[in-house]
Amino acid sequence: MSSFEFCRSFNSEAVDSISILKSIFGLGNKRALEAITVDMLEKSALLYKCNY
């Protein structure tokens, strides 16, 4: 899991006043997150490593 880039599939949990204001007013960058499917999880489990 050390090579898995969490930021590609999950948003940050950090919260500050600027990010709250940006989310309220719809400002900031809206990057698309990559989906993680059950199939991807199954293949990773069978290979004992994450290829995504």
C-alpha atoms as a PDB file:
ATOM      1  CA  MET A   1       0.000   0.000   0.000  1.00  0.00           C
ATOM      2  CA  SER A   2       2.985   2.320   0.247  1.00  0.00           C
ATOM      3  CA  SER A   3       2.837   3.011  -3.492  1.00  0.00           C
ATOM      4  CA  PHE A   4      -0.916   3.725  -3.516  1.00  0.00           C
ATOM      5  CA  GLU A   5      -1.668   7.413  -4.064  1.00  0.00           C
ATOM      6  CA  PHE A   6      -4.678   8.076  -1.826  1.00  0.00           C
ATOM      7  CA  CYS A   7      -5.148  11.620  -3.141  1.00  0.00           C
ATOM      8  CA  ARG A   8      -6.105  10.231  -6.579  1.00  0.00           C
ATOM      9  CA  SER A   9      -9.223   8.514  -5.192  1.00  0.00           C
ATOM     10  CA  PHE A  10     -10.027  10.311  -1.922  1.00  0.00           C
ATOM     11  CA  ASN A  11     -10.413  13.936  -0.858  1.00  0.00           C
ATOM     12  CA  SER A  12      -8.291  15.333   1.919  1.00  0.00           C
ATOM     13  CA  GLU A  13      -9.745  15.219   5.429  1.00  0.00           C
ATOM     14  CA  ALA A  14      -8.046  18.473   6.375  1.00  0.00           C
ATOM     15  CA  VAL A  15     -10.498  21.276   7.086  1.00  0.00           C
ATOM     16  CA  ASP A  16      -9.687  24.933   7.409  1.00  0.00           C
ATOM     17  CA  SER A  17     -11.728  28.117   7.149  1.00  0.00           C
ATOM     18  CA  ILE A  18     -10.617  28.831   3.571  1.00  0.00           C
ATOM     19  CA  SER A  19     -11.643  25.387   2.285  1.00  0.00           C
ATOM     20  CA  ILE A  20     -15.016  25.696   4.040  1.00  0.00           C
ATOM     21  CA  LEU A  21     -15.676  29.061   2.370  1.00  0.00           C
ATOM     22  CA  LYS A  22     -14.587  27.694  -1.010  1.00  0.00           C
ATOM     23  CA  SER A  23     -16.978  24.760  -0.704  1.00  0.00           C
ATOM     24  CA  ILE A  24     -19.882  27.003   0.358  1.00  0.00           C
ATOM     25  CA  PHE A  25     -19.406  29.381  -2.570  1.00  0.00           C
ATOM     26  CA  GLY A  26     -18.402  26.713  -5.101  1.00  0.00           C
ATOM     27  CA  LEU A  27     -14.900  28.064  -5.585  1.00  0.00           C
ATOM     28  CA  GLY A  28     -11.658  26.182  -5.890  1.00  0.00           C
ATOM     29  CA  ASN A  29     -10.524  23.425  -8.167  1.00  0.00           C
ATOM     30  CA  LYS A  30     -12.931  20.571  -8.759  1.00  0.00           C
ATOM     31  CA  ARG A  31     -10.701  17.686  -9.693  1.00  0.00           C
ATOM     32  CA  ALA A  32     -12.261  14.412 -10.638  1.00  0.00           C
ATOM     33  CA  LEU A  33     -11.448  11.509  -8.364  1.00  0.00           C
ATOM     34  CA  GLU A  34     -10.591   8.122  -9.799  1.00  0.00           C
ATOM     35  CA  ALA A  35     -13.034   5.371  -8.916  1.00  0.00           C
ATOM     36  CA  ILE A  36     -11.974   2.268  -7.026  1.00  0.00           C
ATOM     37  CA  THR A  37     -14.089  -0.704  -8.019  1.00  0.00           C
ATOM     38  CA  VAL A  38     -14.670  -4.016  -6.287  1.00  0.00           C
ATOM     39  CA  ASP A  39     -12.953  -5.703  -9.234  1.00  0.00           C
ATOM     40  CA  MET A  40      -9.845  -3.582  -8.680  1.00  0.00           C
ATOM     41  CA  LEU A  41      -9.826  -4.489  -4.975  1.00  0.00           C
ATOM     42  CA  GLU A  42     -10.246  -8.184  -5.761  1.00  0.00           C
ATOM     43  CA  LYS A  43      -7.383  -8.213  -8.267  1.00  0.00           C
ATOM     44  CA  SER A  44      -5.127  -6.354  -5.836  1.00  0.00           C
ATOM     45  CA  ALA A  45      -5.950  -8.821  -3.060  1.00  0.00           C
ATOM     46  CA  LEU A  46      -5.177 -11.800  -5.288  1.00  0.00           C
ATOM     47  CA  LEU A  47      -1.852 -10.289  -6.385  1.00  0.00           C
ATOM     48  CA  TYR A  48      -0.952  -9.132  -2.841  1.00  0.00           C
ATOM     49  CA  LYS A  49      -0.183  -5.662  -4.189  1.00  0.00           C
ATOM     50  CA  CYS A  50      -1.962  -2.583  -5.490  1.00  0.00           C
ATOM     51  CA  ASN A  51      -1.534  -1.945  -9.219  1.00  0.00           C
ATOM     52  CA  TYR A  52      -3.581   1.257  -9.257  1.00  0.00           C
END
